[in-house]
């Protein structure tokens, strides 16, 4: 599966996702500037991304823990998600995300 990720300057990187891994892990391993301080435990919001139009609706809804973390994040938008809570699978092939401001 492919992930199309834009960094904070607008440069797009195409990443090959691994089934069962999180989008956050793929972004981090591709060298994008994502902090991911909690390592994917949904205990911070440093892997905050914006999901491109048409993709947000295809995702499972955020769980309470993710919603709580997003409530404390900066620059939250209606299409905000934590990339540590998005698991790579065929249904996400082609997903487009943009790193949120730090």
PDB file of N, CA and C in Angstrom:
ATOM      1  N   UNK A   1       0.835  -1.185   0.000  1.00  0.00           N
ATOM      2  CA  UNK A   1       0.000   0.000   0.000  1.00  0.00           C
ATOM      3  C   UNK A   1       0.874   1.239   0.000  1.00  0.00           C
ATOM      4  N   UNK A   2       0.362   2.307  -0.560  1.00  0.00           N
ATOM      5  CA  UNK A   2       1.118   3.555  -0.644  1.00  0.00           C
ATOM      6  C   UNK A   2       0.474   4.621   0.255  1.00  0.00           C
ATOM      7  N   UNK A   3       1.351   5.428   0.877  1.00  0.00           N
ATOM      8  CA  UNK A   3       0.950   6.593   1.664  1.00  0.00           C
ATOM      9  C   UNK A   3       1.589   7.792   0.985  1.00  0.00           C
ATOM     10  N   UNK A   4       0.778   8.803   0.690  1.00  0.00           N
ATOM     11  CA  UNK A   4       1.283  10.048   0.122  1.00  0.00           C
ATOM     12  C   UNK A   4       1.301  11.065   1.262  1.00  0.00           C
ATOM     13  N   UNK A   5       2.498  11.471   1.655  1.00  0.00           N
ATOM     14  CA  UNK A   5       2.652  12.342   2.824  1.00  0.00           C
ATOM     15  C   UNK A   5       3.316  13.647   2.442  1.00  0.00           C
ATOM     16  N   UNK A   6       2.692  14.756   2.858  1.00  0.00           N
ATOM     17  CA  UNK A   6       3.286  16.077   2.648  1.00  0.00           C
ATOM     18  C   UNK A   6       3.903  16.527   3.963  1.00  0.00           C
ATOM     19  N   UNK A   7       5.127  17.061   3.861  1.00  0.00           N
ATOM     20  CA  UNK A   7       5.745  17.616   5.056  1.00  0.00           C
ATOM     21  C   UNK A   7       5.212  19.030   5.280  1.00  0.00           C
ATOM     22  N   UNK A   8       5.728  19.700   6.270  1.00  0.00           N
ATOM     23  CA  UNK A   8       5.211  21.033   6.629  1.00  0.00           C
ATOM     24  C   UNK A   8       5.545  22.101   5.601  1.00  0.00           C
ATOM     25  N   UNK A   9       6.458  21.821   4.678  1.00  0.00           N
ATOM     26  CA  UNK A   9       6.795  22.764   3.606  1.00  0.00           C
ATOM     27  C   UNK A   9       6.043  22.447   2.320  1.00  0.00           C
ATOM     28  N   UNK A  10       5.260  21.368   2.326  1.00  0.00           N
ATOM     29  CA  UNK A  10       4.467  21.009   1.157  1.00  0.00           C
ATOM     30  C   UNK A  10       5.107  19.988   0.232  1.00  0.00           C
ATOM     31  N   UNK A  11       6.304  19.495   0.587  1.00  0.00           N
ATOM     32  CA  UNK A  11       6.972  18.484  -0.237  1.00  0.00           C
ATOM     33  C   UNK A  11       6.300  17.139   0.007  1.00  0.00           C
ATOM     34  N   UNK A  12       5.911  16.471  -1.098  1.00  0.00           N
ATOM     35  CA  UNK A  12       5.243  15.177  -0.973  1.00  0.00           C
ATOM     36  C   UNK A  12       6.247  14.032  -1.098  1.00  0.00           C
ATOM     37  N   UNK A  13       6.066  13.054  -0.228  1.00  0.00           N
ATOM     38  CA  UNK A  13       6.865  11.829  -0.237  1.00  0.00           C
ATOM     39  C   UNK A  13       5.914  10.658  -0.378  1.00  0.00           C
ATOM     40  N   UNK A  14       6.254   9.710  -1.250  1.00  0.00           N
ATOM     41  CA  UNK A  14       5.461   8.501  -1.399  1.00  0.00           C
ATOM     42  C   UNK A  14       6.148   7.417  -0.568  1.00  0.00           C
ATOM     43  N   UNK A  15       5.374   6.822   0.343  1.00  0.00           N
ATOM     44  CA  UNK A  15       5.909   5.839   1.274  1.00  0.00           C
ATOM     45  C   UNK A  15       5.202   4.505   1.029  1.00  0.00           C
ATOM     46  N   UNK A  16       5.974   3.452   1.039  1.00  0.00           N
ATOM     47  CA  UNK A  16       5.398   2.114   0.938  1.00  0.00           C
ATOM     48  C   UNK A  16       5.026   1.664   2.348  1.00  0.00           C
ATOM     49  N   UNK A  17       3.719   1.530   2.605  1.00  0.00           N
ATOM     50  CA  UNK A  17       3.253   1.115   3.920  1.00  0.00           C
ATOM     51  C   UNK A  17       3.393  -0.380   4.117  1.00  0.00           C
ATOM     52  N   UNK A  18       3.500  -0.786   5.362  1.00  0.00           N
ATOM     53  CA  UNK A  18       3.578  -2.205   5.706  1.00  0.00           C
ATOM     54  C   UNK A  18       2.298  -2.597   6.418  1.00  0.00           C
ATOM     55  N   UNK A  19       1.646  -3.619   5.926  1.00  0.00           N
ATOM     56  CA  UNK A  19       0.392  -4.084   6.504  1.00  0.00           C
ATOM     57  C   UNK A  19       0.561  -4.343   8.002  1.00  0.00           C
ATOM     58  N   UNK A  20      -0.331  -3.756   8.801  1.00  0.00           N
ATOM     59  CA  UNK A  20      -0.300  -3.945  10.239  1.00  0.00           C
ATOM     60  C   UNK A  20       0.523  -2.916  10.992  1.00  0.00           C
ATOM     61  N   UNK A  21       1.344  -2.153  10.308  1.00  0.00           N
ATOM     62  CA  UNK A  21       2.126  -1.087  10.933  1.00  0.00           C
ATOM     63  C   UNK A  21       1.275   0.180  10.935  1.00  0.00           C
ATOM     64  N   UNK A  22       1.618   1.132  11.777  1.00  0.00           N
ATOM     65  CA  UNK A  22       0.850   2.374  11.803  1.00  0.00           C
ATOM     66  C   UNK A  22       1.411   3.367  10.793  1.00  0.00           C
ATOM     67  N   UNK A  23       0.559   4.288  10.393  1.00  0.00           N
ATOM     68  CA  UNK A  23       0.991   5.363   9.499  1.00  0.00           C
ATOM     69  C   UNK A  23       2.122   6.142  10.159  1.00  0.00           C
ATOM     70  N   UNK A  24       2.037   6.361  11.474  1.00  0.00           N
ATOM     71  CA  UNK A  24       3.095   7.072  12.204  1.00  0.00           C
ATOM     72  C   UNK A  24       4.439   6.369  12.032  1.00  0.00           C
ATOM     73  N   UNK A  25       4.469   5.051  12.165  1.00  0.00           N
ATOM     74  CA  UNK A  25       5.718   4.307  12.007  1.00  0.00           C
ATOM     75  C   UNK A  25       6.278   4.474  10.605  1.00  0.00           C
ATOM     76  N   UNK A  26       5.404   4.474   9.618  1.00  0.00           N
ATOM     77  CA  UNK A  26       5.839   4.618   8.230  1.00  0.00           C
ATOM     78  C   UNK A  26       6.401   6.021   7.985  1.00  0.00           C
ATOM     79  N   UNK A  27       5.732   7.051   8.521  1.00  0.00           N
ATOM     80  CA  UNK A  27       6.214   8.426   8.373  1.00  0.00           C
ATOM     81  C   UNK A  27       7.585   8.581   9.025  1.00  0.00           C
ATOM     82  N   UNK A  28       7.706   8.080  10.249  1.00  0.00           N
ATOM     83  CA  UNK A  28       8.964   8.183  11.003  1.00  0.00           C
ATOM     84  C   UNK A  28      10.083   7.438  10.276  1.00  0.00           C
ATOM     85  N   UNK A  29       9.797   6.201   9.849  1.00  0.00           N
ATOM     86  CA  UNK A  29      10.830   5.401   9.191  1.00  0.00           C
ATOM     87  C   UNK A  29      11.244   5.971   7.842  1.00  0.00           C
ATOM     88  N   UNK A  30      10.360   6.754   7.221  1.00  0.00           N
ATOM     89  CA  UNK A  30      10.688   7.401   5.943  1.00  0.00           C
ATOM     90  C   UNK A  30      11.492   8.679   6.145  1.00  0.00           C
ATOM     91  N   UNK A  31      11.728   9.048   7.405  1.00  0.00           N
ATOM     92  CA  UNK A  31      12.545  10.216   7.699  1.00  0.00           C
ATOM     93  C   UNK A  31      11.793  11.525   7.716  1.00  0.00           C
ATOM     94  N   UNK A  32      10.468  11.471   7.717  1.00  0.00           N
ATOM     95  CA  UNK A  32       9.712  12.721   7.803  1.00  0.00           C
ATOM     96  C   UNK A  32       9.834  13.284   9.217  1.00  0.00           C
ATOM     97  N   UNK A  33       9.769  14.608   9.361  1.00  0.00           N
ATOM     98  CA  UNK A  33       9.982  15.232  10.670  1.00  0.00           C
ATOM     99  C   UNK A  33       8.756  15.125  11.579  1.00  0.00           C
ATOM    100  N   UNK A  34       8.475  13.917  12.033  1.00  0.00           N
ATOM    101  CA  UNK A  34       7.360  13.678  12.941  1.00  0.00           C
ATOM    102  C   UNK A  34       7.974  13.201  14.256  1.00  0.00           C
ATOM    103  N   UNK A  35       7.588  13.833  15.359  1.00  0.00           N
ATOM    104  CA  UNK A  35       8.235  13.552  16.635  1.00  0.00           C
ATOM    105  C   UNK A  35       7.820  12.209  17.210  1.00  0.00           C
ATOM    106  N   UNK A  36       6.528  11.959  17.288  1.00  0.00           N
ATOM    107  CA  UNK A  36       6.014  10.688  17.816  1.00  0.00           C
ATOM    108  C   UNK A  36       6.635  10.357  19.169  1.00  0.00           C
ATOM    109  N   UNK A  37       6.575  11.308  20.084  1.00  0.00           N
ATOM    110  CA  UNK A  37       7.241  11.186  21.387  1.00  0.00           C
ATOM    111  C   UNK A  37       6.825   9.964  22.195  1.00  0.00           C
ATOM    112  N   UNK A  38       5.554   9.591  22.135  1.00  0.00           N
ATOM    113  CA  UNK A  38       5.087   8.471  22.969  1.00  0.00           C
ATOM    114  C   UNK A  38       5.266   7.123  22.277  1.00  0.00           C
ATOM    115  N   UNK A  39       5.777   7.134  21.043  1.00  0.00           N
ATOM    116  CA  UNK A  39       6.034   5.890  20.340  1.00  0.00           C
ATOM    117  C   UNK A  39       4.796   5.157  19.865  1.00  0.00           C
ATOM    118  N   UNK A  40       3.668   5.838  19.851  1.00  0.00           N
ATOM    119  CA  UNK A  40       2.445   5.215  19.343  1.00  0.00           C
ATOM    120  C   UNK A  40       1.474   4.786  20.418  1.00  0.00           C
ATOM    121  N   UNK A  41       1.680   5.246  21.643  1.00  0.00           N
ATOM    122  CA  UNK A  41       0.815   4.849  22.762  1.00  0.00           C
ATOM    123  C   UNK A  41      -0.427   5.733  22.905  1.00  0.00           C
ATOM    124  N   UNK A  42      -0.624   6.664  21.984  1.00  0.00           N
ATOM    125  CA  UNK A  42      -1.751   7.596  22.035  1.00  0.00           C
ATOM    126  C   UNK A  42      -1.724   8.402  23.338  1.00  0.00           C
ATOM    127  N   UNK A  43      -0.509   8.819  23.724  1.00  0.00           N
ATOM    128  CA  UNK A  43      -0.335   9.578  24.965  1.00  0.00           C
ATOM    129  C   UNK A  43       0.210  10.979  24.693  1.00  0.00           C
ATOM    130  N   UNK A  44       0.242  11.378  23.442  1.00  0.00           N
ATOM    131  CA  UNK A  44       0.649  12.733  23.065  1.00  0.00           C
ATOM    132  C   UNK A  44      -0.028  13.037  21.735  1.00  0.00           C
ATOM    133  N   UNK A  45       0.286  14.139  21.145  1.00  0.00           N
ATOM    134  CA  UNK A  45      -0.293  14.457  19.839  1.00  0.00           C
ATOM    135  C   UNK A  45       0.797  14.861  18.851  1.00  0.00           C
ATOM    136  N   UNK A  46       2.010  14.360  19.070  1.00  0.00           N
ATOM    137  CA  UNK A  46       3.131  14.772  18.230  1.00  0.00           C
ATOM    138  C   UNK A  46       3.200  14.030  16.897  1.00  0.00           C
ATOM    139  N   UNK A  47       2.208  13.183  16.626  1.00  0.00           N
ATOM    140  CA  UNK A  47       2.118  12.520  15.311  1.00  0.00           C
ATOM    141  C   UNK A  47       0.861  12.994  14.577  1.00  0.00           C
ATOM    142  N   UNK A  48       0.370  14.161  14.972  1.00  0.00           N
ATOM    143  CA  UNK A  48      -0.840  14.770  14.417  1.00  0.00           C
ATOM    144  C   UNK A  48      -0.668  15.009  12.915  1.00  0.00           C
ATOM    145  N   UNK A  49      -1.647  14.552  12.149  1.00  0.00           N
ATOM    146  CA  UNK A  49      -1.669  14.778  10.700  1.00  0.00           C
ATOM    147  C   UNK A  49      -3.064  15.235  10.286  1.00  0.00           C
ATOM    148  N   UNK A  50      -3.113  15.829   9.098  1.00  0.00           N
ATOM    149  CA  UNK A  50      -4.372  16.176   8.461  1.00  0.00           C
ATOM    150  C   UNK A  50      -4.617  15.144   7.361  1.00  0.00           C
ATOM    151  N   UNK A  51      -5.816  14.629   7.307  1.00  0.00           N
ATOM    152  CA  UNK A  51      -6.193  13.643   6.302  1.00  0.00           C
ATOM    153  C   UNK A  51      -6.826  14.376   5.121  1.00  0.00           C
ATOM    154  N   UNK A  52      -6.363  14.086   3.914  1.00  0.00           N
ATOM    155  CA  UNK A  52      -6.894  14.769   2.735  1.00  0.00           C
ATOM    156  C   UNK A  52      -8.368  14.427   2.493  1.00  0.00           C
ATOM    157  N   UNK A  53      -9.024  15.338   1.811  1.00  0.00           N
ATOM    158  CA  UNK A  53     -10.448  15.189   1.483  1.00  0.00           C
ATOM    159  C   UNK A  53     -10.709  13.848   0.818  1.00  0.00           C
ATOM    160  N   UNK A  54     -11.807  13.233   1.191  1.00  0.00           N
ATOM    161  CA  UNK A  54     -12.192  11.954   0.636  1.00  0.00           C
ATOM    162  C   UNK A  54     -11.650  10.758   1.402  1.00  0.00           C
ATOM    163  N   UNK A  55     -10.626  10.965   2.207  1.00  0.00           N
ATOM    164  CA  UNK A  55     -10.034   9.870   2.987  1.00  0.00           C
ATOM    165  C   UNK A  55     -10.542   9.823   4.407  1.00  0.00           C
ATOM    166  N   UNK A  56     -10.811  10.980   5.001  1.00  0.00           N
ATOM    167  CA  UNK A  56     -11.215  11.009   6.407  1.00  0.00           C
ATOM    168  C   UNK A  56     -12.438  10.123   6.642  1.00  0.00           C
ATOM    169  N   UNK A  57     -13.392  10.198   5.758  1.00  0.00           N
ATOM    170  CA  UNK A  57     -14.640   9.446   5.906  1.00  0.00           C
ATOM    171  C   UNK A  57     -14.432   7.932   5.784  1.00  0.00           C
ATOM    172  N   UNK A  58     -13.356   7.518   5.141  1.00  0.00           N
ATOM    173  CA  UNK A  58     -13.074   6.096   4.954  1.00  0.00           C
ATOM    174  C   UNK A  58     -12.415   5.466   6.186  1.00  0.00           C
ATOM    175  N   UNK A  59     -11.946   6.304   7.098  1.00  0.00           N
ATOM    176  CA  UNK A  59     -11.235   5.805   8.276  1.00  0.00           C
ATOM    177  C   UNK A  59     -12.212   5.405   9.374  1.00  0.00           C
ATOM    178  N   UNK A  60     -11.808   4.451  10.225  1.00  0.00           N
ATOM    179  CA  UNK A  60     -12.637   4.176  11.397  1.00  0.00           C
ATOM    180  C   UNK A  60     -12.666   5.428  12.274  1.00  0.00           C
ATOM    181  N   UNK A  61     -13.770   5.688  12.962  1.00  0.00           N
ATOM    182  CA  UNK A  61     -13.828   6.905  13.780  1.00  0.00           C
ATOM    183  C   UNK A  61     -12.788   6.870  14.900  1.00  0.00           C
ATOM    184  N   UNK A  62     -12.314   8.047  15.321  1.00  0.00           N
ATOM    185  CA  UNK A  62     -11.329   8.072  16.409  1.00  0.00           C
ATOM    186  C   UNK A  62     -11.937   7.561  17.711  1.00  0.00           C
ATOM    187  N   UNK A  63     -11.135   6.836  18.471  1.00  0.00           N
ATOM    188  CA  UNK A  63     -11.568   6.367  19.789  1.00  0.00           C
ATOM    189  C   UNK A  63     -11.429   7.505  20.791  1.00  0.00           C
ATOM    190  N   UNK A  64     -11.995   7.333  21.968  1.00  0.00           N
ATOM    191  CA  UNK A  64     -11.994   8.386  22.981  1.00  0.00           C
ATOM    192  C   UNK A  64     -10.593   8.896  23.315  1.00  0.00           C
ATOM    193  N   UNK A  65      -9.618   7.994  23.439  1.00  0.00           N
ATOM    194  CA  UNK A  65      -8.253   8.401  23.776  1.00  0.00           C
ATOM    195  C   UNK A  65      -7.652   9.315  22.725  1.00  0.00           C
ATOM    196  N   UNK A  66      -7.899   9.008  21.467  1.00  0.00           N
ATOM    197  CA  UNK A  66      -7.390   9.856  20.389  1.00  0.00           C
ATOM    198  C   UNK A  66      -8.081  11.209  20.406  1.00  0.00           C
ATOM    199  N   UNK A  67      -9.375  11.207  20.607  1.00  0.00           N
ATOM    200  CA  UNK A  67     -10.117  12.471  20.684  1.00  0.00           C
ATOM    201  C   UNK A  67      -9.600  13.332  21.829  1.00  0.00           C
ATOM    202  N   UNK A  68      -9.327  12.698  22.971  1.00  0.00           N
ATOM    203  CA  UNK A  68      -8.791  13.439  24.126  1.00  0.00           C
ATOM    204  C   UNK A  68      -7.441  14.067  23.802  1.00  0.00           C
ATOM    205  N   UNK A  69      -6.567  13.331  23.126  1.00  0.00           N
ATOM    206  CA  UNK A  69      -5.250  13.858  22.764  1.00  0.00           C
ATOM    207  C   UNK A  69      -5.376  14.988  21.747  1.00  0.00           C
ATOM    208  N   UNK A  70      -6.276  14.841  20.790  1.00  0.00           N
ATOM    209  CA  UNK A  70      -6.468  15.907  19.801  1.00  0.00           C
ATOM    210  C   UNK A  70      -7.023  17.175  20.450  1.00  0.00           C
ATOM    211  N   UNK A  71      -7.796  17.013  21.518  1.00  0.00           N
ATOM    212  CA  UNK A  71      -8.312  18.182  22.235  1.00  0.00           C
ATOM    213  C   UNK A  71      -7.184  19.042  22.794  1.00  0.00           C
ATOM    214  N   UNK A  72      -6.017  18.436  23.029  1.00  0.00           N
ATOM    215  CA  UNK A  72      -4.872  19.169  23.578  1.00  0.00           C
ATOM    216  C   UNK A  72      -3.867  19.580  22.512  1.00  0.00           C
ATOM    217  N   UNK A  73      -4.083  19.178  21.279  1.00  0.00           N
ATOM    218  CA  UNK A  73      -3.144  19.471  20.195  1.00  0.00           C
ATOM    219  C   UNK A  73      -3.335  20.893  19.677  1.00  0.00           C
ATOM    220  N   UNK A  74      -2.310  21.365  18.994  1.00  0.00           N
ATOM    221  CA  UNK A  74      -2.367  22.682  18.358  1.00  0.00           C
ATOM    222  C   UNK A  74      -2.891  22.544  16.936  1.00  0.00           C
ATOM    223  N   UNK A  75      -3.531  23.582  16.445  1.00  0.00           N
ATOM    224  CA  UNK A  75      -3.963  23.674  15.041  1.00  0.00           C
ATOM    225  C   UNK A  75      -4.837  22.500  14.604  1.00  0.00           C
ATOM    226  N   UNK A  76      -5.723  22.053  15.475  1.00  0.00           N
ATOM    227  CA  UNK A  76      -6.622  20.946  15.142  1.00  0.00           C
ATOM    228  C   UNK A  76      -7.655  21.425  14.123  1.00  0.00           C
ATOM    229  N   UNK A  77      -7.904  20.583  13.137  1.00  0.00           N
ATOM    230  CA  UNK A  77      -8.903  20.857  12.110  1.00  0.00           C
ATOM    231  C   UNK A  77      -9.883  19.688  12.077  1.00  0.00           C
ATOM    232  N   UNK A  78     -11.012  19.845  11.398  1.00  0.00           N
ATOM    233  CA  UNK A  78     -11.984  18.741  11.332  1.00  0.00           C
ATOM    234  C   UNK A  78     -11.413  17.451  10.750  1.00  0.00           C
ATOM    235  N   UNK A  79     -10.342  17.535   9.960  1.00  0.00           N
ATOM    236  CA  UNK A  79      -9.737  16.354   9.350  1.00  0.00           C
ATOM    237  C   UNK A  79      -8.477  15.893  10.086  1.00  0.00           C
ATOM    238  N   UNK A  80      -8.311  16.308  11.340  1.00  0.00           N
ATOM    239  CA  UNK A  80      -7.148  15.923  12.141  1.00  0.00           C
ATOM    240  C   UNK A  80      -7.277  14.495  12.656  1.00  0.00           C
ATOM    241  N   UNK A  81      -6.166  13.778  12.636  1.00  0.00           N
ATOM    242  CA  UNK A  81      -6.076  12.447  13.252  1.00  0.00           C
ATOM    243  C   UNK A  81      -4.658  12.276  13.797  1.00  0.00           C
ATOM    244  N   UNK A  82      -4.511  11.320  14.696  1.00  0.00           N
ATOM    245  CA  UNK A  82      -3.186  10.933  15.163  1.00  0.00           C
ATOM    246  C   UNK A  82      -2.741   9.756  14.299  1.00  0.00           C
ATOM    247  N   UNK A  83      -1.602   9.907  13.648  1.00  0.00           N
ATOM    248  CA  UNK A  83      -1.161   8.869  12.714  1.00  0.00           C
ATOM    249  C   UNK A  83      -0.809   7.559  13.415  1.00  0.00           C
ATOM    250  N   UNK A  84      -0.586   7.601  14.729  1.00  0.00           N
ATOM    251  CA  UNK A  84      -0.306   6.359  15.464  1.00  0.00           C
ATOM    252  C   UNK A  84      -1.559   5.503  15.619  1.00  0.00           C
ATOM    253  N   UNK A  85      -2.711   6.072  15.347  1.00  0.00           N
ATOM    254  CA  UNK A  85      -3.970   5.345  15.493  1.00  0.00           C
ATOM    255  C   UNK A  85      -4.516   4.847  14.158  1.00  0.00           C
ATOM    256  N   UNK A  86      -3.733   5.012  13.096  1.00  0.00           N
ATOM    257  CA  UNK A  86      -4.140   4.577  11.763  1.00  0.00           C
ATOM    258  C   UNK A  86      -3.257   3.413  11.337  1.00  0.00           C
ATOM    259  N   UNK A  87      -3.855   2.254  11.193  1.00  0.00           N
ATOM    260  CA  UNK A  87      -3.107   1.049  10.853  1.00  0.00           C
ATOM    261  C   UNK A  87      -3.134   0.819   9.348  1.00  0.00           C
ATOM    262  N   UNK A  88      -1.962   0.597   8.794  1.00  0.00           N
ATOM    263  CA  UNK A  88      -1.849   0.348   7.359  1.00  0.00           C
ATOM    264  C   UNK A  88      -2.578  -0.937   6.979  1.00  0.00           C
ATOM    265  N   UNK A  89      -3.363  -0.833   5.918  1.00  0.00           N
ATOM    266  CA  UNK A  89      -4.077  -1.976   5.366  1.00  0.00           C
ATOM    267  C   UNK A  89      -4.457  -1.621   3.932  1.00  0.00           C
ATOM    268  N   UNK A  90      -4.919  -2.589   3.177  1.00  0.00           N
ATOM    269  CA  UNK A  90      -5.262  -2.341   1.769  1.00  0.00           C
ATOM    270  C   UNK A  90      -6.322  -1.246   1.614  1.00  0.00           C
ATOM    271  N   UNK A  91      -7.229  -1.134   2.576  1.00  0.00           N
ATOM    272  CA  UNK A  91      -8.283  -0.112   2.500  1.00  0.00           C
ATOM    273  C   UNK A  91      -7.711   1.305   2.532  1.00  0.00           C
ATOM    274  N   UNK A  92      -6.489   1.463   3.044  1.00  0.00           N
ATOM    275  CA  UNK A  92      -5.860   2.786   3.119  1.00  0.00           C
ATOM    276  C   UNK A  92      -4.878   3.027   1.974  1.00  0.00           C
ATOM    277  N   UNK A  93      -4.824   2.116   1.016  1.00  0.00           N
ATOM    278  CA  UNK A  93      -3.891   2.281  -0.099  1.00  0.00           C
ATOM    279  C   UNK A  93      -4.177   3.583  -0.832  1.00  0.00           C
ATOM    280  N   UNK A  94      -3.172   4.461  -0.867  1.00  0.00           N
ATOM    281  CA  UNK A  94      -3.305   5.744  -1.548  1.00  0.00           C
ATOM    282  C   UNK A  94      -3.677   6.893  -0.632  1.00  0.00           C
ATOM    283  N   UNK A  95      -3.794   6.644   0.678  1.00  0.00           N
ATOM    284  CA  UNK A  95      -4.172   7.703   1.610  1.00  0.00           C
ATOM    285  C   UNK A  95      -3.194   8.877   1.508  1.00  0.00           C
ATOM    286  N   UNK A  96      -3.735  10.075   1.663  1.00  0.00           N
ATOM    287  CA  UNK A  96      -2.936  11.283   1.599  1.00  0.00           C
ATOM    288  C   UNK A  96      -3.038  12.010   2.930  1.00  0.00           C
ATOM    289  N   UNK A  97      -1.859  12.285   3.517  1.00  0.00           N
ATOM    290  CA  UNK A  97      -1.798  12.980   4.801  1.00  0.00           C
ATOM    291  C   UNK A  97      -0.816  14.138   4.706  1.00  0.00           C
ATOM    292  N   UNK A  98      -1.033  15.123   5.580  1.00  0.00           N
ATOM    293  CA  UNK A  98      -0.120  16.267   5.687  1.00  0.00           C
ATOM    294  C   UNK A  98       0.257  16.409   7.152  1.00  0.00           C
ATOM    295  N   UNK A  99       1.550  16.560   7.417  1.00  0.00           N
ATOM    296  CA  UNK A  99       1.993  16.741   8.798  1.00  0.00           C
ATOM    297  C   UNK A  99       1.450  18.058   9.336  1.00  0.00           C
ATOM    298  N   UNK A 100       0.881  18.005  10.528  1.00  0.00           N
ATOM    299  CA  UNK A 100       0.373  19.210  11.183  1.00  0.00           C
ATOM    300  C   UNK A 100       1.548  20.010  11.753  1.00  0.00           C
ATOM    301  N   UNK A 101       1.336  21.308  12.017  1.00  0.00           N
ATOM    302  CA  UNK A 101       2.418  22.094  12.627  1.00  0.00           C
ATOM    303  C   UNK A 101       2.844  21.500  13.969  1.00  0.00           C
ATOM    304  N   UNK A 102       4.118  21.700  14.301  1.00  0.00           N
ATOM    305  CA  UNK A 102       4.613  21.195  15.579  1.00  0.00           C
ATOM    306  C   UNK A 102       4.095  22.036  16.710  1.00  0.00           C
TER     307      UNK A 102
END
